[in-house]
Protein backbone atom coordinates (compact mmCIF):
# COMPACT_ATOMS: atom_id res chain seq x y z
CA MET A 1 -19.22 -9.27 104.78
CA LYS A 2 -17.28 -9.04 107.99
CA LYS A 3 -16.25 -12.87 109.27
CA VAL A 4 -17.03 -13.47 113.00
CA SER A 5 -15.32 -15.22 115.54
CA ALA A 6 -16.97 -16.14 118.89
CA THR A 7 -14.86 -16.01 122.17
CA PHE A 8 -16.48 -18.39 124.83
CA LEU A 9 -14.33 -16.25 127.65
CA SER A 10 -17.44 -14.78 129.31
CA SER A 11 -19.49 -18.05 128.98
CA LYS A 12 -21.04 -19.81 132.16
CA ASP A 13 -21.42 -23.17 130.38
CA VAL A 14 -18.76 -23.66 127.77
CA PRO A 15 -19.74 -27.06 126.56
CA LYS A 16 -23.47 -25.87 125.91
CA ASP A 17 -22.09 -22.70 124.44
CA LEU A 18 -19.62 -24.67 122.26
CA ILE A 19 -22.62 -26.77 121.05
CA LYS A 20 -25.10 -23.72 120.34
CA LEU A 21 -22.04 -21.84 118.41
CA ASN A 22 -21.83 -24.85 116.27
CA ASN A 23 -25.23 -24.50 115.23
CA THR A 24 -24.78 -21.09 113.94
CA ASP A 25 -23.00 -19.68 110.87
CA VAL A 26 -20.08 -18.37 113.05
CA ASP A 27 -16.73 -18.52 111.12
CA TYR A 28 -14.67 -19.30 113.89
CA ILE A 29 -14.39 -20.05 117.62
CA HIS A 30 -11.91 -17.74 119.59
CA VAL A 31 -10.04 -19.45 121.78
CA ASP A 32 -8.26 -17.27 124.48
CA PHE A 33 -5.84 -18.87 126.74
CA MET A 34 -4.03 -17.38 129.58
CA ASP A 35 -1.37 -18.57 131.60
CA GLY A 36 -1.60 -16.26 134.68
CA LYS A 37 1.67 -14.64 134.08
CA PHE A 38 1.46 -12.36 131.08
CA VAL A 39 -2.00 -11.68 132.19
CA PRO A 40 -3.42 -11.68 135.96
CA ASN A 41 -5.95 -13.82 134.86
CA LYS A 42 -5.72 -17.81 133.90
CA THR A 43 -8.12 -19.71 131.67
CA MET A 44 -9.04 -23.51 131.88
CA PRO A 45 -6.15 -25.71 131.25
CA PHE A 46 -5.04 -27.32 128.15
CA SER A 47 -6.05 -30.72 129.09
CA GLU A 48 -9.40 -29.39 129.39
CA LEU A 49 -9.13 -27.15 126.34
CA LYS A 50 -8.28 -29.86 124.11
CA HIS A 51 -11.48 -31.43 124.44
CA ILE A 52 -12.99 -28.36 122.69
CA GLY A 53 -13.44 -30.56 119.04
CA GLU A 54 -16.25 -32.72 121.18
CA TYR A 55 -18.51 -29.90 121.11
CA THR A 56 -17.60 -27.89 117.92
CA SER A 57 -16.18 -28.67 114.38
CA LYS A 58 -15.78 -25.02 113.67
CA ARG A 59 -12.14 -23.76 113.12
CA LEU A 60 -10.25 -22.37 115.79
CA ASP A 61 -9.03 -19.08 116.07
CA VAL A 62 -6.72 -19.25 118.95
CA HIS A 63 -5.33 -16.27 120.96
CA LEU A 64 -2.40 -16.93 123.33
CA MET A 65 -1.62 -14.20 126.12
CA VAL A 66 1.04 -16.30 127.65
CA LYS A 67 4.71 -15.11 128.35
CA TYR A 68 6.10 -18.21 126.73
CA PRO A 69 4.13 -19.43 123.24
CA SER A 70 6.86 -21.81 122.02
CA LYS A 71 5.36 -23.97 125.07
CA TYR A 72 1.68 -24.14 123.93
CA ILE A 73 2.23 -23.85 120.06
CA PRO A 74 2.45 -27.38 119.37
CA LEU A 75 -0.29 -28.51 121.58
CA PHE A 76 -2.65 -25.86 119.97
CA ALA A 77 -1.17 -27.07 116.85
CA GLU A 78 -2.82 -30.16 117.47
CA LEU A 79 -6.44 -28.91 117.59
CA ASN A 80 -8.74 -27.45 114.50
CA SER A 81 -6.96 -24.22 114.52
CA GLU A 82 -7.04 -21.97 111.39
CA PHE A 83 -4.55 -19.39 113.25
CA ILE A 84 -2.42 -19.13 116.25
CA THR A 85 -1.78 -15.56 117.69
CA PHE A 86 0.34 -14.53 120.22
CA HIS A 87 1.39 -11.14 121.49
CA ILE A 88 4.24 -8.93 120.25
CA GLU A 89 4.81 -8.10 123.62
CA SER A 90 5.46 -11.80 125.01
CA ASP A 91 9.23 -12.58 125.99
CA GLU A 92 10.35 -14.90 123.51
CA ASP A 93 11.93 -14.55 119.77
CA ILE A 94 8.85 -13.68 117.95
CA ILE A 95 10.29 -14.86 114.29
CA SER A 96 11.17 -18.28 115.55
CA ASN A 97 7.40 -18.57 117.03
CA LEU A 98 6.03 -17.28 113.93
CA GLU A 99 8.10 -19.87 111.97
CA LYS A 100 7.04 -22.79 114.31
CA ILE A 101 3.27 -22.24 113.81
CA LYS A 102 4.11 -21.63 109.89
CA SER A 103 5.73 -25.04 110.21
CA TYR A 104 2.15 -26.70 111.23
CA SER A 105 0.60 -25.14 108.35
CA ILE A 106 -1.44 -22.95 110.21
CA GLY A 107 -1.96 -19.35 110.05
CA CYS A 108 0.08 -17.55 112.17
CA GLY A 109 -0.68 -13.89 113.56
CA LEU A 110 0.51 -11.25 116.04
CA ALA A 111 -1.55 -9.50 118.75
CA ILE A 112 -1.05 -6.05 119.88
CA SER A 113 -2.39 -4.67 123.18
CA PRO A 114 -3.96 -1.27 123.32
CA ASP A 115 -0.81 0.39 124.20
CA THR A 116 1.47 -1.01 121.77
CA LYS A 117 2.17 1.53 118.43
CA VAL A 118 1.06 -0.49 115.01
CA ASN A 119 4.49 0.31 113.61
CA THR A 120 6.04 -2.17 115.69
CA LEU A 121 4.54 -4.67 113.63
CA ILE A 122 6.92 -3.77 110.60
CA PRO A 123 9.61 -6.11 110.93
CA TYR A 124 7.12 -9.37 111.29
CA LEU A 125 4.93 -8.17 108.31
CA PRO A 126 6.34 -10.62 105.65
CA TYR A 127 5.79 -13.71 107.98
CA LEU A 128 2.19 -12.53 108.73
CA ASP A 129 -1.40 -14.29 108.12
CA ILE A 130 -3.42 -12.09 110.63
CA ILE A 131 -3.10 -9.22 112.93
CA LEU A 132 -5.30 -9.03 116.11
CA VAL A 133 -5.74 -5.77 117.47
CA MET A 134 -6.96 -5.61 121.09
CA SER A 135 -9.72 -3.19 121.73
CA VAL A 136 -9.63 -3.38 125.53
CA MET A 137 -6.85 -4.52 127.70
CA PRO A 138 -6.23 -8.39 127.50
CA GLY A 139 -7.13 -10.74 130.17
CA LYS A 140 -10.73 -9.98 131.11
CA GLY A 141 -14.15 -10.56 129.12
CA GLY A 142 -16.96 -7.86 129.25
CA GLN A 143 -14.86 -4.80 129.04
CA PRO A 144 -15.97 -1.68 127.21
CA PHE A 145 -14.31 -1.04 123.44
CA ILE A 146 -11.82 1.40 123.85
CA LEU A 147 -12.73 4.42 121.19
CA GLU A 148 -9.01 5.26 119.87
CA THR A 149 -9.27 1.26 118.39
CA GLU A 150 -10.75 2.80 115.31
CA LYS A 151 -8.05 5.06 114.48
CA LYS A 152 -5.54 2.45 115.11
CA LEU A 153 -6.92 -0.06 112.63
CA ASN A 154 -6.92 2.33 109.87
CA GLU A 155 -3.57 3.12 110.34
CA LEU A 156 -2.75 -0.78 110.56
CA ARG A 157 -4.61 -0.96 107.38
CA LYS A 158 -3.02 1.69 105.65
CA LEU A 159 0.74 0.35 106.64
CA ILE A 160 -0.16 -3.17 105.45
CA GLU A 161 -1.61 -1.68 101.96
CA SER A 162 1.45 0.58 101.82
CA TYR A 163 3.71 -2.86 101.91
CA HIS A 164 1.39 -4.99 99.68
CA PHE A 165 0.80 -7.47 102.11
CA ASN A 166 -2.30 -9.84 102.18
CA ILE A 167 -2.80 -9.86 106.20
CA LEU A 168 -6.22 -9.94 107.78
CA ILE A 169 -6.92 -7.87 110.76
CA ASN A 170 -8.78 -9.22 113.32
CA VAL A 171 -10.28 -6.96 116.32
CA ASP A 172 -10.99 -8.41 119.80
CA GLY A 173 -12.75 -6.45 122.87
CA GLY A 174 -16.07 -4.87 123.58
CA VAL A 175 -17.49 -5.78 119.96
CA ASN A 176 -21.13 -5.33 119.55
CA ASP A 177 -23.86 -3.83 117.25
CA LYS A 178 -22.67 -0.24 118.39
CA THR A 179 -18.97 -0.99 118.23
CA LYS A 180 -18.83 -2.81 114.95
CA ASP A 181 -19.30 0.47 112.94
CA LEU A 182 -15.73 1.68 114.48
CA CYS A 183 -14.11 -1.51 113.09
CA ARG A 184 -14.90 -0.87 109.26
CA ASP A 185 -11.01 -1.28 108.87
CA ALA A 186 -11.08 -5.12 110.61
CA ASP A 187 -11.90 -8.41 108.43
CA ILE A 188 -12.83 -10.36 111.44
CA LEU A 189 -14.50 -8.93 114.35
CA THR A 190 -14.36 -11.10 117.67
CA SER A 191 -16.82 -10.88 119.94
CA GLY A 192 -17.56 -12.62 123.22
CA SER A 193 -20.20 -11.64 126.06
CA TYR A 194 -22.27 -9.74 123.35
CA ILE A 195 -23.22 -13.34 121.59
CA VAL A 196 -22.63 -15.53 124.78
CA ASN A 197 -24.68 -13.77 127.12
CA ALA A 198 -27.44 -13.89 124.49
CA ASP A 199 -30.63 -15.98 124.12
CA ASP A 200 -30.19 -15.75 120.26
CA PHE A 201 -26.57 -16.55 119.19
CA GLN A 202 -27.48 -16.51 115.54
CA GLU A 203 -29.30 -13.31 115.49
CA LYS A 204 -26.27 -11.45 117.57
CA ILE A 205 -23.83 -12.98 115.06
CA SER A 206 -25.71 -11.79 112.10
CA SER A 207 -26.08 -8.22 113.51
CA LEU A 208 -22.19 -7.98 113.41
CA ARG A 209 -21.93 -8.98 110.03
């Protein structure tokens, strides 16, 4: 059964939706954090995000869409984070940032954008607990699923198995009850507007498993 991570990027009322998500069996809350530099959009500042624990006790699946992850890793390490993932396309030394996440005993991950090849991950596989495959261009909620992602997920699954690593695959963007069948090779499905724009969050979460 797939695990589900719910993102509130498309939420109109974040505290209310976090409380509603807390009352479901969703596995993680996916926290999208953007600095306005790595992607054009900017999310709420950390000074607001740090209060997330007041609304949900769910473990956090943090996705840093930032140019300089080292600035934010220590901040998110203070929260109830299960994973902290940053982009392979970011501007800093990747291994030192992965080691920084690990130093907090938090699962560390790399995200790859739709136009980044799977084999760029090879040097970092020994360090990784999770890989986030973007099935939309990073930075905006509500985009349609890029169909080529199915092939990319399969390629990534074969790559991980060929090196005999135990790394989770998370897929993020345009995930719903129709596109989930294109994500057979993923372990975790991250979904946003499909869940938070619905009347019944639990029904949508169950439909993804």
